[in-house]
Amino acid sequence: MPDSLRAAIRDVVDFPKPGIVFKDITPLLADGALFARAISLLCETCGGTRIDKVAGIDARGFIFASAVADRLGVGFVPVRKQGKLPWKTRQAAYALEYGEAVVEIHQDAVKPGETVLLVDDLLATGGTAAAAAKLLDELGAKVLGISVLIELSFLNGRAKLSPYPVHSILTY
């Protein structure tokens, strides 16, 4: 089935800027059976370990993380871009190609000791996932792992995520 998932992902050349080949997941999302299979495969990355919450990274990570949380019967925690959460937050900055970005989480999003699976649509350079995992750690959560639909292995983002286990459904 991963081959059918792979076949549903469209390459968009020179988006959002020249030289980038964007992995467009919208055809996969539009196919109910493929979307359900992607969610099942992401759920399986827990390895049967009981988790308390699923955290998702803004914005496409929300699509997968909230569905995984629903399927597992646990809560969903948004990790958002700076300035998007309405209450008291913790922040973590991370490097971009040019400059820096910040993600935030509500300071009461997880309780100390809760086990959390961090989910995103894509792992590229690893900066956003590393910042999100750092925030969860600071709140006292136990990050079970980081699960993504797509990993762009040539960007070596996995290297920034040690010591967290990283699970990818599709690797390019």
N, C-alpha and C. Protein backbone atom coordinates (compact mmCIF):
# COMPACT_ATOMS: atom_id res chain seq x y z
N MET A 1 0.80 -1.22 0.00
CA MET A 1 0.00 0.00 0.00
C MET A 1 0.84 1.27 0.00
N PRO A 2 2.05 1.27 0.62
CA PRO A 2 2.84 2.51 0.51
C PRO A 2 3.08 2.94 -0.94
N ASP A 3 3.15 1.96 -1.88
CA ASP A 3 3.33 2.35 -3.29
C ASP A 3 2.13 3.15 -3.80
N SER A 4 0.92 2.78 -3.37
CA SER A 4 -0.25 3.54 -3.80
C SER A 4 -0.27 4.92 -3.15
N LEU A 5 0.23 5.01 -1.92
CA LEU A 5 0.36 6.33 -1.29
C LEU A 5 1.35 7.19 -2.07
N ARG A 6 2.48 6.59 -2.40
CA ARG A 6 3.53 7.30 -3.15
C ARG A 6 2.99 7.79 -4.50
N ALA A 7 2.21 6.93 -5.16
CA ALA A 7 1.67 7.29 -6.47
C ALA A 7 0.70 8.46 -6.39
N ALA A 8 0.08 8.66 -5.24
CA ALA A 8 -0.89 9.75 -5.08
C ALA A 8 -0.25 11.09 -4.74
N ILE A 9 1.04 11.09 -4.47
CA ILE A 9 1.72 12.34 -4.13
C ILE A 9 2.30 12.96 -5.40
N ARG A 10 1.92 14.18 -5.63
CA ARG A 10 2.27 14.87 -6.88
C ARG A 10 3.50 15.75 -6.65
N ASP A 11 4.44 15.70 -7.57
CA ASP A 11 5.58 16.60 -7.55
C ASP A 11 5.21 17.89 -8.28
N VAL A 12 5.44 19.01 -7.63
CA VAL A 12 5.21 20.32 -8.24
C VAL A 12 6.56 21.01 -8.33
N VAL A 13 7.06 21.15 -9.53
CA VAL A 13 8.39 21.70 -9.79
C VAL A 13 8.36 23.23 -9.63
N ASP A 14 9.43 23.73 -9.00
CA ASP A 14 9.64 25.17 -8.80
C ASP A 14 8.57 25.82 -7.91
N PHE A 15 8.08 25.07 -6.93
CA PHE A 15 7.14 25.62 -5.95
C PHE A 15 7.67 25.33 -4.57
N PRO A 16 7.72 26.30 -3.69
CA PRO A 16 7.24 27.67 -3.80
C PRO A 16 8.23 28.63 -4.44
N LYS A 17 9.42 28.09 -4.81
CA LYS A 17 10.40 28.94 -5.50
C LYS A 17 11.23 28.07 -6.43
N PRO A 18 11.92 28.68 -7.38
CA PRO A 18 12.71 27.91 -8.33
C PRO A 18 13.71 26.97 -7.64
N GLY A 19 13.81 25.75 -8.17
CA GLY A 19 14.74 24.77 -7.65
C GLY A 19 14.14 23.82 -6.63
N ILE A 20 12.93 24.10 -6.15
CA ILE A 20 12.25 23.24 -5.17
C ILE A 20 11.28 22.33 -5.91
N VAL A 21 11.27 21.05 -5.52
CA VAL A 21 10.25 20.12 -5.99
C VAL A 21 9.35 19.82 -4.79
N PHE A 22 8.17 20.42 -4.79
CA PHE A 22 7.23 20.34 -3.68
C PHE A 22 6.46 19.03 -3.76
N LYS A 23 6.35 18.34 -2.63
CA LYS A 23 5.57 17.10 -2.54
C LYS A 23 4.14 17.48 -2.15
N ASP A 24 3.23 17.45 -3.10
CA ASP A 24 1.84 17.85 -2.90
C ASP A 24 1.02 16.65 -2.44
N ILE A 25 0.53 16.71 -1.19
CA ILE A 25 -0.23 15.60 -0.60
C ILE A 25 -1.72 15.71 -0.86
N THR A 26 -2.19 16.78 -1.51
CA THR A 26 -3.63 16.97 -1.65
C THR A 26 -4.32 15.84 -2.44
N PRO A 27 -3.70 15.23 -3.46
CA PRO A 27 -4.38 14.09 -4.10
C PRO A 27 -4.57 12.91 -3.13
N LEU A 28 -3.62 12.67 -2.26
CA LEU A 28 -3.76 11.61 -1.26
C LEU A 28 -4.89 11.94 -0.29
N LEU A 29 -4.95 13.18 0.15
CA LEU A 29 -6.01 13.60 1.07
C LEU A 29 -7.39 13.47 0.44
N ALA A 30 -7.48 13.66 -0.87
CA ALA A 30 -8.77 13.62 -1.56
C ALA A 30 -9.30 12.20 -1.76
N ASP A 31 -8.45 11.21 -1.55
CA ASP A 31 -8.85 9.81 -1.71
C ASP A 31 -9.08 9.22 -0.32
N GLY A 32 -10.33 8.97 0.03
CA GLY A 32 -10.66 8.52 1.37
C GLY A 32 -9.93 7.26 1.80
N ALA A 33 -9.81 6.29 0.90
CA ALA A 33 -9.14 5.03 1.24
C ALA A 33 -7.65 5.25 1.47
N LEU A 34 -7.02 6.07 0.64
CA LEU A 34 -5.58 6.32 0.81
C LEU A 34 -5.32 7.14 2.07
N PHE A 35 -6.17 8.13 2.32
CA PHE A 35 -6.00 8.93 3.53
C PHE A 35 -6.16 8.06 4.77
N ALA A 36 -7.16 7.19 4.77
CA ALA A 36 -7.37 6.28 5.90
C ALA A 36 -6.16 5.36 6.08
N ARG A 37 -5.60 4.88 4.98
CA ARG A 37 -4.43 4.00 5.07
C ARG A 37 -3.22 4.75 5.63
N ALA A 38 -3.04 6.00 5.20
CA ALA A 38 -1.93 6.80 5.73
C ALA A 38 -2.08 6.98 7.24
N ILE A 39 -3.30 7.23 7.70
CA ILE A 39 -3.53 7.41 9.13
C ILE A 39 -3.25 6.10 9.86
N SER A 40 -3.68 4.98 9.32
CA SER A 40 -3.41 3.68 9.94
C SER A 40 -1.91 3.43 10.07
N LEU A 41 -1.18 3.72 9.01
CA LEU A 41 0.27 3.50 9.05
C LEU A 41 0.95 4.41 10.07
N LEU A 42 0.49 5.64 10.19
CA LEU A 42 1.04 6.54 11.20
C LEU A 42 0.70 6.04 12.60
N CYS A 43 -0.51 5.53 12.79
CA CYS A 43 -0.89 4.97 14.09
C CYS A 43 0.01 3.79 14.46
N GLU A 44 0.36 2.98 13.48
CA GLU A 44 1.20 1.81 13.73
C GLU A 44 2.59 2.17 14.22
N THR A 45 3.03 3.41 13.99
CA THR A 45 4.37 3.80 14.43
C THR A 45 4.49 3.85 15.94
N CYS A 46 3.35 3.81 16.64
CA CYS A 46 3.38 3.76 18.11
C CYS A 46 3.86 2.40 18.59
N GLY A 47 3.81 1.41 17.72
CA GLY A 47 4.24 0.07 18.11
C GLY A 47 3.43 -0.52 19.24
N GLY A 48 2.18 -0.11 19.36
CA GLY A 48 1.33 -0.64 20.43
C GLY A 48 1.53 0.03 21.78
N THR A 49 2.48 0.95 21.87
CA THR A 49 2.71 1.67 23.13
C THR A 49 1.55 2.61 23.40
N ARG A 50 1.08 2.63 24.62
CA ARG A 50 -0.01 3.53 25.01
C ARG A 50 0.51 4.96 25.01
N ILE A 51 -0.20 5.84 24.33
CA ILE A 51 0.17 7.26 24.36
C ILE A 51 -0.98 8.05 24.95
N ASP A 52 -0.65 9.24 25.44
CA ASP A 52 -1.65 10.12 26.04
C ASP A 52 -2.14 11.19 25.08
N LYS A 53 -1.24 11.66 24.21
CA LYS A 53 -1.60 12.75 23.30
C LYS A 53 -0.81 12.59 22.00
N VAL A 54 -1.36 13.21 20.97
CA VAL A 54 -0.66 13.35 19.69
C VAL A 54 -0.49 14.84 19.46
N ALA A 55 0.74 15.26 19.21
CA ALA A 55 1.04 16.65 18.89
C ALA A 55 1.25 16.76 17.38
N GLY A 56 0.70 17.82 16.81
CA GLY A 56 0.84 18.05 15.37
C GLY A 56 1.44 19.40 15.11
N ILE A 57 2.24 19.45 14.04
CA ILE A 57 2.96 20.67 13.70
C ILE A 57 2.19 21.44 12.62
N ASP A 58 2.03 22.74 12.86
CA ASP A 58 1.36 23.68 11.97
C ASP A 58 2.01 23.61 10.58
N ALA A 59 1.32 23.48 9.53
CA ALA A 59 -0.12 23.43 9.39
C ALA A 59 -0.57 22.07 8.86
N ARG A 60 0.12 21.51 7.85
CA ARG A 60 -0.35 20.23 7.30
C ARG A 60 -0.20 19.09 8.29
N GLY A 61 0.69 19.22 9.25
CA GLY A 61 0.80 18.20 10.28
C GLY A 61 -0.47 18.07 11.09
N PHE A 62 -1.25 19.16 11.18
CA PHE A 62 -2.52 19.11 11.90
C PHE A 62 -3.47 18.10 11.26
N ILE A 63 -3.45 18.02 9.94
CA ILE A 63 -4.36 17.12 9.22
C ILE A 63 -4.13 15.69 9.69
N PHE A 64 -2.87 15.29 9.71
CA PHE A 64 -2.54 13.90 10.06
C PHE A 64 -2.60 13.66 11.55
N ALA A 65 -2.06 14.59 12.34
CA ALA A 65 -1.99 14.39 13.79
C ALA A 65 -3.38 14.34 14.42
N SER A 66 -4.28 15.19 13.99
CA SER A 66 -5.62 15.17 14.58
C SER A 66 -6.36 13.88 14.22
N ALA A 67 -6.16 13.39 13.01
CA ALA A 67 -6.78 12.12 12.61
C ALA A 67 -6.18 10.94 13.38
N VAL A 68 -4.87 10.97 13.60
CA VAL A 68 -4.21 9.92 14.39
C VAL A 68 -4.73 9.96 15.82
N ALA A 69 -4.82 11.15 16.39
CA ALA A 69 -5.34 11.29 17.77
C ALA A 69 -6.75 10.73 17.86
N ASP A 70 -7.59 11.06 16.90
CA ASP A 70 -8.96 10.56 16.90
C ASP A 70 -8.97 9.04 16.82
N ARG A 71 -8.19 8.50 15.92
CA ARG A 71 -8.15 7.04 15.73
C ARG A 71 -7.67 6.34 17.00
N LEU A 72 -6.71 6.95 17.70
CA LEU A 72 -6.16 6.34 18.92
C LEU A 72 -6.99 6.67 20.17
N GLY A 73 -7.94 7.57 20.02
CA GLY A 73 -8.79 7.94 21.16
C GLY A 73 -8.09 8.77 22.21
N VAL A 74 -7.17 9.63 21.75
CA VAL A 74 -6.42 10.48 22.68
C VAL A 74 -6.54 11.93 22.24
N GLY A 75 -6.03 12.84 23.07
CA GLY A 75 -6.10 14.26 22.78
C GLY A 75 -5.11 14.70 21.71
N PHE A 76 -5.41 15.84 21.11
CA PHE A 76 -4.56 16.45 20.09
C PHE A 76 -3.98 17.76 20.63
N VAL A 77 -2.70 17.99 20.39
CA VAL A 77 -2.00 19.19 20.84
C VAL A 77 -1.42 19.91 19.62
N PRO A 78 -1.85 21.15 19.37
CA PRO A 78 -1.27 21.89 18.25
C PRO A 78 0.05 22.57 18.63
N VAL A 79 1.03 22.43 17.76
CA VAL A 79 2.28 23.19 17.85
C VAL A 79 2.20 24.16 16.69
N ARG A 80 2.08 25.47 17.03
CA ARG A 80 1.76 26.46 16.01
C ARG A 80 2.88 27.45 15.77
N LYS A 81 2.76 28.12 14.64
CA LYS A 81 3.65 29.23 14.34
C LYS A 81 3.40 30.34 15.35
N GLN A 82 4.42 31.12 15.60
CA GLN A 82 4.36 32.18 16.60
C GLN A 82 3.16 33.11 16.39
N GLY A 83 2.48 33.43 17.51
CA GLY A 83 1.39 34.38 17.48
C GLY A 83 0.03 33.81 17.13
N LYS A 84 -0.09 32.49 16.99
CA LYS A 84 -1.35 31.88 16.57
C LYS A 84 -2.14 31.25 17.72
N LEU A 85 -1.51 31.06 18.86
CA LEU A 85 -2.21 30.45 20.00
C LEU A 85 -2.73 31.52 20.94
N PRO A 86 -3.94 31.35 21.49
CA PRO A 86 -4.59 32.42 22.23
C PRO A 86 -4.28 32.51 23.72
N TRP A 87 -3.45 31.63 24.25
CA TRP A 87 -3.23 31.64 25.70
C TRP A 87 -1.75 31.66 25.99
N LYS A 88 -1.34 31.42 27.21
CA LYS A 88 0.07 31.44 27.61
C LYS A 88 0.81 30.31 26.91
N THR A 89 1.97 30.67 26.36
CA THR A 89 2.72 29.70 25.54
C THR A 89 4.18 29.60 25.96
N ARG A 90 4.78 28.55 25.48
CA ARG A 90 6.24 28.41 25.46
C ARG A 90 6.65 28.48 24.00
N GLN A 91 7.86 28.99 23.78
CA GLN A 91 8.35 29.17 22.41
C GLN A 91 9.68 28.45 22.21
N ALA A 92 9.92 28.06 20.97
CA ALA A 92 11.22 27.55 20.57
C ALA A 92 11.54 28.09 19.18
N ALA A 93 12.72 28.64 19.04
CA ALA A 93 13.17 29.17 17.75
C ALA A 93 13.99 28.10 17.04
N TYR A 94 13.98 28.16 15.73
CA TYR A 94 14.78 27.22 14.93
C TYR A 94 15.24 27.93 13.66
N ALA A 95 16.32 27.43 13.09
CA ALA A 95 16.92 28.06 11.92
C ALA A 95 16.20 27.66 10.65
N LEU A 96 16.02 28.63 9.79
CA LEU A 96 15.54 28.41 8.43
C LEU A 96 16.71 28.64 7.48
N GLU A 97 16.47 28.41 6.20
CA GLU A 97 17.52 28.64 5.22
C GLU A 97 18.08 30.06 5.33
N TYR A 98 17.17 31.03 5.49
CA TYR A 98 17.57 32.41 5.69
C TYR A 98 16.79 32.93 6.89
N GLY A 99 17.43 33.01 8.04
CA GLY A 99 16.77 33.57 9.21
C GLY A 99 16.33 32.52 10.21
N GLU A 100 15.24 32.85 10.87
CA GLU A 100 14.78 32.05 11.99
C GLU A 100 13.26 32.06 12.04
N ALA A 101 12.68 31.01 12.60
CA ALA A 101 11.24 30.95 12.82
C ALA A 101 11.01 30.49 14.26
N VAL A 102 9.79 30.64 14.73
CA VAL A 102 9.44 30.29 16.11
C VAL A 102 8.14 29.48 16.09
N VAL A 103 8.12 28.40 16.87
CA VAL A 103 6.88 27.66 17.11
C VAL A 103 6.53 27.78 18.58
N GLU A 104 5.22 27.62 18.85
CA GLU A 104 4.72 27.76 20.22
C GLU A 104 3.78 26.61 20.56
N ILE A 105 3.65 26.41 21.86
CA ILE A 105 2.72 25.43 22.40
C ILE A 105 2.11 26.03 23.67
N HIS A 106 0.85 25.73 23.94
CA HIS A 106 0.27 26.20 25.20
C HIS A 106 1.03 25.57 26.36
N GLN A 107 1.28 26.36 27.38
CA GLN A 107 2.09 25.88 28.50
C GLN A 107 1.41 24.76 29.28
N ASP A 108 0.11 24.57 29.11
CA ASP A 108 -0.59 23.48 29.79
C ASP A 108 -1.07 22.40 28.81
N ALA A 109 -0.45 22.33 27.64
CA ALA A 109 -0.89 21.40 26.60
C ALA A 109 -0.69 19.93 26.98
N VAL A 110 0.36 19.67 27.74
CA VAL A 110 0.63 18.31 28.22
C VAL A 110 1.00 18.38 29.69
N LYS A 111 0.75 17.29 30.37
CA LYS A 111 1.14 17.20 31.78
C LYS A 111 2.48 16.48 31.87
N PRO A 112 3.28 16.80 32.88
CA PRO A 112 4.54 16.07 33.06
C PRO A 112 4.30 14.57 33.12
N GLY A 113 5.11 13.84 32.37
CA GLY A 113 5.01 12.39 32.36
C GLY A 113 4.12 11.82 31.27
N GLU A 114 3.32 12.68 30.61
CA GLU A 114 2.47 12.16 29.53
C GLU A 114 3.33 11.72 28.34
N THR A 115 2.90 10.65 27.71
CA THR A 115 3.59 10.14 26.52
C THR A 115 2.93 10.75 25.29
N VAL A 116 3.76 11.33 24.42
CA VAL A 116 3.26 12.07 23.26
C VAL A 116 3.93 11.56 21.99
N LEU A 117 3.12 11.38 20.96
CA LEU A 117 3.63 11.10 19.62
C LEU A 117 3.56 12.41 18.84
N LEU A 118 4.67 12.82 18.24
CA LEU A 118 4.72 14.03 17.44
C LEU A 118 4.56 13.64 15.98
N VAL A 119 3.60 14.27 15.29
CA VAL A 119 3.27 13.90 13.91
C VAL A 119 3.34 15.12 13.01
N ASP A 120 3.90 14.92 11.82
CA ASP A 120 3.91 15.96 10.79
C ASP A 120 3.73 15.30 9.44
N ASP A 121 3.47 16.12 8.43
CA ASP A 121 3.31 15.58 7.09
C ASP A 121 4.66 15.27 6.46
N LEU A 122 5.67 16.09 6.76
CA LEU A 122 6.93 15.98 6.03
C LEU A 122 8.12 16.33 6.93
N LEU A 123 9.17 15.54 6.82
CA LEU A 123 10.43 15.83 7.49
C LEU A 123 11.43 16.24 6.42
N ALA A 124 11.89 17.48 6.51
CA ALA A 124 12.89 17.98 5.57
C ALA A 124 14.21 18.17 6.32
N THR A 125 14.50 19.38 6.76
CA THR A 125 15.76 19.64 7.46
C THR A 125 15.70 19.32 8.94
N GLY A 126 14.50 19.13 9.48
CA GLY A 126 14.35 18.71 10.86
C GLY A 126 14.23 19.82 11.89
N GLY A 127 14.39 21.06 11.48
CA GLY A 127 14.37 22.16 12.43
C GLY A 127 13.05 22.34 13.16
N THR A 128 11.95 22.26 12.43
CA THR A 128 10.65 22.45 13.05
C THR A 128 10.33 21.32 14.01
N ALA A 129 10.58 20.09 13.59
CA ALA A 129 10.31 18.94 14.45
C ALA A 129 11.18 18.98 15.70
N ALA A 130 12.44 19.36 15.56
CA ALA A 130 13.33 19.44 16.71
C ALA A 130 12.83 20.50 17.70
N ALA A 131 12.37 21.64 17.19
CA ALA A 131 11.85 22.69 18.06
C ALA A 131 10.58 22.23 18.77
N ALA A 132 9.70 21.53 18.05
CA ALA A 132 8.46 21.02 18.65
C ALA A 132 8.76 19.99 19.73
N ALA A 133 9.69 19.09 19.46
CA ALA A 133 10.06 18.07 20.44
C ALA A 133 10.68 18.72 21.68
N LYS A 134 11.48 19.75 21.47
CA LYS A 134 12.08 20.48 22.59
C LYS A 134 11.01 21.09 23.48
N LEU A 135 9.98 21.67 22.88
CA LEU A 135 8.88 22.25 23.67
C LEU A 135 8.17 21.17 24.49
N LEU A 136 7.91 20.03 23.88
CA LEU A 136 7.26 18.93 24.61
C LEU A 136 8.13 18.47 25.77
N ASP A 137 9.43 18.35 25.52
CA ASP A 137 10.36 17.98 26.59
C ASP A 137 10.32 18.99 27.74
N GLU A 138 10.32 20.28 27.39
CA GLU A 138 10.31 21.33 28.42
C GLU A 138 9.05 21.27 29.28
N LEU A 139 7.96 20.79 28.71
CA LEU A 139 6.71 20.66 29.47
C LEU A 139 6.67 19.36 30.28
N GLY A 140 7.70 18.55 30.16
CA GLY A 140 7.78 17.32 30.93
C GLY A 140 7.19 16.10 30.26
N ALA A 141 6.83 16.22 28.99
CA ALA A 141 6.29 15.07 28.27
C ALA A 141 7.40 14.10 27.90
N LYS A 142 7.00 12.85 27.69
CA LYS A 142 7.91 11.84 27.15
C LYS A 142 7.56 11.70 25.67
N VAL A 143 8.46 12.13 24.79
CA VAL A 143 8.21 12.06 23.36
C VAL A 143 8.52 10.63 22.91
N LEU A 144 7.45 9.90 22.58
CA LEU A 144 7.60 8.51 22.14
C LEU A 144 8.37 8.44 20.84
N GLY A 145 8.10 9.37 19.95
CA GLY A 145 8.76 9.39 18.65
C GLY A 145 8.18 10.48 17.79
N ILE A 146 8.77 10.61 16.61
CA ILE A 146 8.33 11.58 15.61
C ILE A 146 7.95 10.77 14.38
N SER A 147 6.70 10.90 13.97
CA SER A 147 6.20 10.14 12.83
C SER A 147 5.76 11.10 11.73
N VAL A 148 6.20 10.81 10.51
CA VAL A 148 5.88 11.67 9.37
C VAL A 148 5.40 10.82 8.21
N LEU A 149 4.58 11.40 7.37
CA LEU A 149 4.16 10.71 6.16
C LEU A 149 5.32 10.62 5.19
N ILE A 150 6.04 11.73 4.99
CA ILE A 150 7.12 11.81 3.99
C ILE A 150 8.40 12.29 4.65
N GLU A 151 9.49 11.62 4.33
CA GLU A 151 10.82 12.08 4.74
C GLU A 151 11.66 12.34 3.50
N LEU A 152 12.24 13.52 3.42
CA LEU A 152 13.19 13.85 2.36
C LEU A 152 14.58 13.55 2.90
N SER A 153 15.00 12.31 2.74
CA SER A 153 16.22 11.83 3.42
C SER A 153 17.48 12.58 2.97
N PHE A 154 17.49 13.09 1.74
CA PHE A 154 18.66 13.79 1.23
C PHE A 154 18.93 15.10 1.97
N LEU A 155 17.95 15.59 2.75
CA LEU A 155 18.14 16.80 3.54
C LEU A 155 18.63 16.50 4.95
N ASN A 156 18.73 15.21 5.30
CA ASN A 156 19.32 14.75 6.55
C ASN A 156 18.68 15.34 7.81
N GLY A 157 17.38 15.58 7.78
CA GLY A 157 16.69 16.13 8.94
C GLY A 157 16.68 15.20 10.14
N ARG A 158 16.73 13.91 9.89
CA ARG A 158 16.73 12.91 10.96
C ARG A 158 17.90 13.13 11.92
N ALA A 159 19.01 13.64 11.41
CA ALA A 159 20.20 13.86 12.24
C ALA A 159 19.94 14.88 13.35
N LYS A 160 19.03 15.83 13.13
CA LYS A 160 18.72 16.84 14.15
C LYS A 160 17.77 16.32 15.22
N LEU A 161 17.24 15.13 15.04
CA LEU A 161 16.18 14.65 15.91
C LEU A 161 16.61 13.61 16.93
N SER A 162 17.89 13.34 17.00
CA SER A 162 18.38 12.42 18.02
C SER A 162 18.12 13.06 19.38
N PRO A 163 17.64 12.36 20.35
CA PRO A 163 17.54 10.91 20.54
C PRO A 163 16.16 10.34 20.24
N TYR A 164 15.30 11.08 19.53
CA TYR A 164 13.94 10.61 19.31
C TYR A 164 13.89 9.60 18.16
N PRO A 165 13.13 8.53 18.32
CA PRO A 165 12.92 7.62 17.19
C PRO A 165 12.12 8.36 16.11
N VAL A 166 12.52 8.21 14.87
CA VAL A 166 11.82 8.83 13.75
C VAL A 166 11.25 7.72 12.86
N HIS A 167 9.98 7.85 12.52
CA HIS A 167 9.30 6.88 11.66
C HIS A 167 8.74 7.63 10.45
N SER A 168 9.09 7.18 9.27
CA SER A 168 8.53 7.79 8.07
C SER A 168 7.84 6.69 7.25
N ILE A 169 6.70 7.05 6.69
CA ILE A 169 5.94 6.10 5.88
C ILE A 169 6.54 6.03 4.48
N LEU A 170 6.88 7.17 3.92
CA LEU A 170 7.49 7.25 2.58
C LEU A 170 8.78 8.03 2.67
N THR A 171 9.82 7.54 1.98
CA THR A 171 11.11 8.21 1.98
C THR A 171 11.50 8.52 0.54
N TYR A 172 11.96 9.76 0.35
CA TYR A 172 12.45 10.18 -0.96
C TYR A 172 13.89 10.59 -0.81
